Structures are given as structure tokens and as C-alpha cells.
Amino acid sequence: MKIHRLAIPLAEQAVRRLRVGDVVFLEGKVHTGRALVYQHVLEQGHEMPLDPARVSNVQMHAAPAGQEESPGRYRISSIQATASFRYGRWVPEYVRRFGIRAVIGKGGMDAAIYRDVFARTGTVFLTTVGYGVAALYGRGVRGVDAVYWKDELGLPEAMWLIDTHDFGPFIVDGDCTGASLAEQAIDRINPRFEHAYRSLAPHVLKRMGEIDQSLEQEVIAGNAGRARDR
């Protein structure tokens, strides 16, 4: 494990040196985006309000805990990533089109995206560290440069352009070699799920949001591809 402190916009050479398990701190402009931003840009064809490759080639899957203190002036108190596998259908096109070098999220994405897309484009997936650390990441936000599409998408789902310093720590979950830290962990964890699920009564499984005792249908284990696509 190595610790890297990188300036945004990220250089491809610096990104390609990162390996799964490395720790990264960032400085520079990060823009946020979730499902509504992807739909707004990729499906509805709205023009991007900035040039990510030149200004902010790091995207974070997040809805900041922020507010508009006065017209056009915003403040973020904390920020945490949302589950990135939800956005797997849009990420490849977004990364290719806008020259994204790093995506920040949590939960990982399908390892095929790392192998087939990130390895070619020179992009990494950075995961946040655990839960309950939103305030820690908030300390790395120096200010808010702009909030785009607030009226169209709503404040939480809008695209925030934030200025960061010592923003992290993030762990490299997917690197430019196609390796996936989450996939390595899943290979060790999934065999335990089968034993655990068989010991649970159906009503307990339902309360957890699971359908039955089959790993082919459950939504936690990472190798259940159909569940991830739902």
C-alpha cells in the first residue's frame, strides 16, 4: 500500500501508477454526479457546463449535505459517496466522452468496467472509507465553485463543482490494470453468505430486503450480476 497526494486535473501517467489498495488524497476541483446528472447529459443531451478533462476530471457519486446560504453562495458541511454500482450503465460512456481520470464512490462497480473501460482510458475507481466519515470528507472541501442544474434536478441531485484540499482518504478499488479490490474481497466473502443465509428464517430475509435463500437472487453478494442490474 502506498499513499499518493495528487493534484486535479489528474495526469494519466500518475493515475496509471496507482494500484488497488493504495490510498489517495486529492487537491483541486471535483464535480458530483448521480443518476439524474447522467440522464440529463447522456440521455437528454444537455451540454456540459464545464470541460471536465481540463477543469475537473474527477467525478464523485454523491449528494452533498449542502445549502444555499445566499443567492449563488453555497456551503457543504459533509459529503459521502453513494453506491456506485447503480450507475454502471452510464459510467463507461461518461468516462470516455469527458476524459474522466477518477470516479469516487463506494461499493465498487462491475469488474468488467475496470478491465474493459478503465484500463483503456486510464481511469481509476476510488472508494470512500467506511461509514460515518462524511464530516471527515467535508473538511476537505474548501468551497463550492458552482452548482449546475439546481432548478432542473434539485439541489441534492445537481452537479456540484467543489474545491478540495487534502480530500480523502480514498482507497483505490479499481486500477488501470483491470484489478478490483472489491472483487477480491467478494471471492472470500461470498462462500460465507450461503451458510449464513441457510440459517435465517424467511421473514428475517425479507426484512433484510432479500427474496429467498438463493445467492442467485440476493442483492448483497457481488457475484450475483442480475441482482446488481436491478
Protein backbone atom coordinates (compact mmCIF):
# COMPACT_ATOMS: atom_id res chain seq x y z
CA MET A 1 0.00 0.00 0.00
CA LYS A 2 1.24 3.45 -0.97
CA ILE A 3 -0.10 6.90 -0.14
CA HIS A 4 -0.49 9.33 -3.03
CA ARG A 5 -1.31 13.03 -2.95
CA LEU A 6 -2.50 14.08 -6.39
CA ALA A 7 -3.47 17.39 -7.95
CA ILE A 8 -6.55 17.74 -10.17
CA PRO A 9 -6.77 17.65 -13.12
CA LEU A 10 -5.14 14.26 -12.77
CA ALA A 11 -2.41 13.28 -15.20
CA GLU A 12 -2.83 9.93 -16.92
CA GLN A 13 0.70 8.88 -16.02
CA ALA A 14 0.06 9.47 -12.31
CA VAL A 15 -3.24 7.58 -12.42
CA ARG A 16 -1.72 4.58 -14.17
CA ARG A 17 0.79 4.21 -11.33
CA LEU A 18 -1.98 3.63 -8.79
CA ARG A 19 -2.74 0.07 -7.64
CA VAL A 20 -5.64 -1.46 -5.77
CA GLY A 21 -5.29 -0.88 -2.05
CA ASP A 22 -3.33 2.35 -2.44
CA VAL A 23 -4.57 5.40 -0.52
CA VAL A 24 -5.22 8.67 -2.34
CA PHE A 25 -5.68 12.27 -1.21
CA LEU A 26 -6.80 14.85 -3.76
CA GLU A 27 -6.49 18.58 -4.28
CA GLY A 28 -8.41 20.54 -6.87
CA LYS A 29 -11.84 20.65 -8.46
CA VAL A 30 -14.18 17.65 -8.06
CA HIS A 31 -17.64 17.53 -9.62
CA THR A 32 -20.51 15.42 -8.33
CA GLY A 33 -23.00 13.40 -10.32
CA ARG A 34 -25.58 10.69 -9.79
CA ALA A 35 -28.35 9.17 -11.90
CA LEU A 36 -30.13 12.43 -12.75
CA VAL A 37 -26.92 14.10 -13.91
CA TYR A 38 -26.08 11.12 -16.13
CA GLN A 39 -29.58 11.12 -17.60
CA HIS A 40 -29.54 14.88 -18.09
CA VAL A 41 -26.29 14.76 -20.04
CA LEU A 42 -26.13 11.37 -21.73
CA GLU A 43 -29.78 10.60 -22.39
CA GLN A 44 -31.34 14.04 -22.75
CA GLY A 45 -28.38 15.61 -24.50
CA HIS A 46 -27.82 18.71 -22.35
CA GLU A 47 -24.46 20.37 -22.84
CA MET A 48 -21.91 20.08 -20.05
CA PRO A 49 -21.40 23.41 -18.23
CA LEU A 50 -17.64 22.82 -17.91
CA ASP A 51 -14.83 20.92 -19.60
CA PRO A 52 -14.11 18.06 -17.16
CA ALA A 53 -10.90 16.96 -18.86
CA ARG A 54 -9.40 20.41 -18.38
CA VAL A 55 -11.04 21.57 -15.13
CA SER A 56 -12.33 18.63 -13.12
CA ASN A 57 -11.54 15.14 -14.39
CA VAL A 58 -12.63 13.59 -11.09
CA GLN A 59 -16.31 12.78 -10.55
CA MET A 60 -17.86 11.82 -7.21
CA HIS A 61 -21.08 9.86 -6.85
CA ALA A 62 -22.51 11.99 -4.08
CA ALA A 63 -25.30 14.29 -2.96
CA PRO A 64 -23.52 16.75 -0.66
CA ALA A 65 -25.05 17.84 2.61
CA GLY A 66 -25.01 21.43 1.45
CA GLN A 67 -27.14 24.52 1.46
CA GLU A 68 -27.50 27.81 -0.36
CA GLU A 69 -26.66 30.42 2.25
CA SER A 70 -27.45 33.31 -0.07
CA PRO A 71 -28.23 33.52 -3.79
CA GLY A 72 -25.37 31.79 -5.58
CA ARG A 73 -23.36 31.12 -2.39
CA TYR A 74 -23.22 27.54 -1.12
CA ARG A 75 -21.71 25.71 1.81
CA ILE A 76 -21.05 21.98 2.28
CA SER A 77 -20.94 20.61 5.82
CA SER A 78 -20.31 16.97 4.89
CA ILE A 79 -20.15 14.71 1.88
CA GLN A 80 -20.24 10.94 1.43
CA ALA A 81 -20.40 8.75 -1.64
CA THR A 82 -23.39 6.69 -2.71
CA ALA A 83 -23.33 3.12 -4.07
CA SER A 84 -21.65 3.31 -7.47
CA PHE A 85 -22.82 0.03 -8.98
CA ARG A 86 -26.16 1.76 -9.54
CA TYR A 87 -24.56 3.91 -12.21
CA GLY A 88 -22.67 1.25 -14.13
CA ARG A 89 -24.84 1.69 -17.21
CA TRP A 90 -23.70 5.32 -17.66
CA VAL A 91 -20.14 5.41 -16.32
CA PRO A 92 -18.33 3.96 -19.37
CA GLU A 93 -19.75 6.50 -21.81
CA TYR A 94 -19.28 9.37 -19.38
CA VAL A 95 -15.65 8.46 -18.73
CA ARG A 96 -14.85 8.12 -22.43
CA ARG A 97 -16.65 11.28 -23.52
CA PHE A 98 -15.33 13.64 -20.86
CA GLY A 99 -11.86 12.33 -20.12
CA ILE A 100 -12.54 11.31 -16.54
CA ARG A 101 -9.44 10.01 -14.73
CA ALA A 102 -11.05 9.03 -11.41
CA VAL A 103 -14.52 8.16 -10.18
CA ILE A 104 -15.15 8.37 -6.43
CA GLY A 105 -17.89 6.22 -4.95
CA LYS A 106 -18.48 3.23 -2.73
CA GLY A 107 -19.45 -0.40 -3.11
CA GLY A 108 -17.41 -0.84 -6.27
CA MET A 109 -18.66 -1.48 -9.79
CA ASP A 110 -18.67 -4.46 -12.08
CA ALA A 111 -15.04 -5.52 -12.54
CA ALA A 112 -15.66 -5.65 -16.30
CA ILE A 113 -15.84 -1.85 -16.30
CA TYR A 114 -12.36 -1.72 -14.80
CA ARG A 115 -10.99 -4.27 -17.27
CA ASP A 116 -12.75 -3.16 -20.44
CA VAL A 117 -13.05 0.60 -19.93
CA PHE A 118 -10.77 1.98 -17.21
CA ALA A 119 -7.73 0.01 -18.37
CA ARG A 120 -8.06 1.64 -21.79
CA THR A 121 -8.99 5.17 -20.74
CA GLY A 122 -6.54 5.46 -17.84
CA THR A 123 -9.16 5.78 -15.11
CA VAL A 124 -9.40 4.51 -11.54
CA PHE A 125 -12.24 3.92 -9.13
CA LEU A 126 -11.67 5.37 -5.65
CA THR A 127 -13.84 4.19 -2.77
CA THR A 128 -14.64 6.10 0.38
CA VAL A 129 -13.55 4.61 3.70
CA GLY A 130 -16.38 3.03 5.66
CA TYR A 131 -19.45 4.76 7.06
CA GLY A 132 -19.81 7.71 9.39
CA VAL A 133 -16.98 9.69 7.83
CA ALA A 134 -18.97 12.23 5.81
CA ALA A 135 -17.83 15.03 8.11
CA LEU A 136 -14.21 13.96 7.59
CA TYR A 137 -14.57 14.31 3.84
CA GLY A 138 -16.40 17.58 4.37
CA ARG A 139 -13.28 19.01 5.97
CA GLY A 140 -11.53 18.53 2.65
CA VAL A 141 -13.96 20.87 0.88
CA ARG A 142 -12.55 24.41 0.75
CA GLY A 143 -15.54 25.84 -1.05
CA VAL A 144 -18.20 25.47 -3.71
CA ASP A 145 -17.37 27.00 -7.08
CA ALA A 146 -20.77 26.37 -8.67
CA VAL A 147 -23.95 24.30 -8.57
CA TYR A 148 -25.27 23.41 -12.02
CA TRP A 149 -28.86 22.40 -12.90
CA LYS A 150 -30.19 23.19 -9.41
CA ASP A 151 -33.61 24.17 -10.76
CA GLU A 152 -33.89 21.24 -13.15
CA LEU A 153 -32.63 18.46 -10.89
CA GLY A 154 -32.97 19.80 -7.34
CA LEU A 155 -30.16 20.77 -5.00
CA PRO A 156 -29.10 17.24 -3.86
CA GLU A 157 -29.05 15.81 -7.40
CA ALA A 158 -27.49 18.81 -9.11
CA MET A 159 -23.89 18.86 -10.27
CA TRP A 160 -21.73 20.50 -7.62
CA LEU A 161 -18.26 21.75 -8.51
CA ILE A 162 -16.28 21.75 -5.27
CA ASP A 163 -12.80 22.99 -4.49
CA THR A 164 -10.89 20.47 -2.39
CA HIS A 165 -7.70 20.28 -0.36
CA ASP A 166 -6.32 17.18 1.34
CA PHE A 167 -9.55 15.48 0.23
CA GLY A 168 -9.57 11.87 1.39
CA PRO A 169 -8.56 9.28 2.29
CA PHE A 170 -9.81 7.21 -0.61
CA ILE A 171 -8.81 3.64 -1.41
CA VAL A 172 -8.11 2.52 -4.96
CA ASP A 173 -10.77 -0.12 -5.61
CA GLY A 174 -10.22 -0.47 -9.37
CA ASP A 175 -6.96 0.39 -11.10
CA CYS A 176 -5.80 0.73 -14.70
CA THR A 177 -4.65 -2.89 -14.86
CA GLY A 178 -8.27 -4.01 -14.52
CA ALA A 179 -7.79 -5.27 -10.96
CA SER A 180 -10.68 -4.93 -8.49
CA LEU A 181 -10.21 -4.81 -4.74
CA ALA A 182 -13.93 -5.39 -4.16
CA GLU A 183 -13.90 -8.46 -6.40
CA GLN A 184 -11.03 -9.92 -4.41
CA ALA A 185 -12.96 -9.45 -1.17
CA ILE A 186 -16.16 -10.81 -2.69
CA ASP A 187 -14.40 -14.03 -3.65
CA ARG A 188 -13.58 -14.56 0.03
CA ILE A 189 -16.90 -13.38 1.45
CA ASN A 190 -19.48 -14.95 -0.86
CA PRO A 191 -18.94 -18.55 0.30
CA ARG A 192 -19.88 -17.41 3.80
CA PHE A 193 -23.15 -15.90 2.62
CA GLU A 194 -24.56 -19.28 1.58
CA HIS A 195 -24.02 -20.74 5.03
CA ALA A 196 -25.38 -17.62 6.75
CA TYR A 197 -28.49 -17.38 4.59
CA ARG A 198 -29.48 -21.00 5.14
CA SER A 199 -29.65 -20.35 8.87
CA LEU A 200 -32.09 -17.44 8.52
CA ALA A 201 -35.87 -17.75 8.53
CA PRO A 202 -37.76 -16.36 5.50
CA HIS A 203 -39.27 -13.46 7.47
CA VAL A 204 -35.78 -12.39 8.56
CA LEU A 205 -34.53 -12.47 4.98
CA LYS A 206 -37.47 -10.34 3.83
CA ARG A 207 -36.70 -7.72 6.45
CA MET A 208 -33.18 -7.56 5.02
CA GLY A 209 -34.67 -6.97 1.57
CA GLU A 210 -33.82 -10.42 0.24
CA ILE A 211 -36.10 -12.65 -1.79
CA ASP A 212 -35.08 -16.10 -0.64
CA GLN A 213 -32.06 -18.11 0.39
CA SER A 214 -30.56 -18.25 -3.09
CA LEU A 215 -27.36 -16.33 -3.77
CA GLU A 216 -28.51 -16.02 -7.36
CA GLN A 217 -31.22 -13.60 -6.22
CA GLU A 218 -29.76 -11.79 -3.21
CA VAL A 219 -28.59 -8.20 -3.57
CA ILE A 220 -25.51 -8.13 -1.33
CA ALA A 221 -23.17 -10.71 -2.82
CA GLY A 222 -21.23 -9.14 -5.62
CA ASN A 223 -21.18 -12.14 -7.93
CA ALA A 224 -24.97 -12.04 -8.41
CA GLY A 225 -24.84 -9.94 -11.54
CA ARG A 226 -28.57 -9.98 -12.14
CA ALA A 227 -29.23 -8.58 -8.70
CA ARG A 228 -26.76 -5.75 -9.30
CA ASP A 229 -28.52 -4.79 -12.52
CA ARG A 230 -31.91 -4.46 -10.90
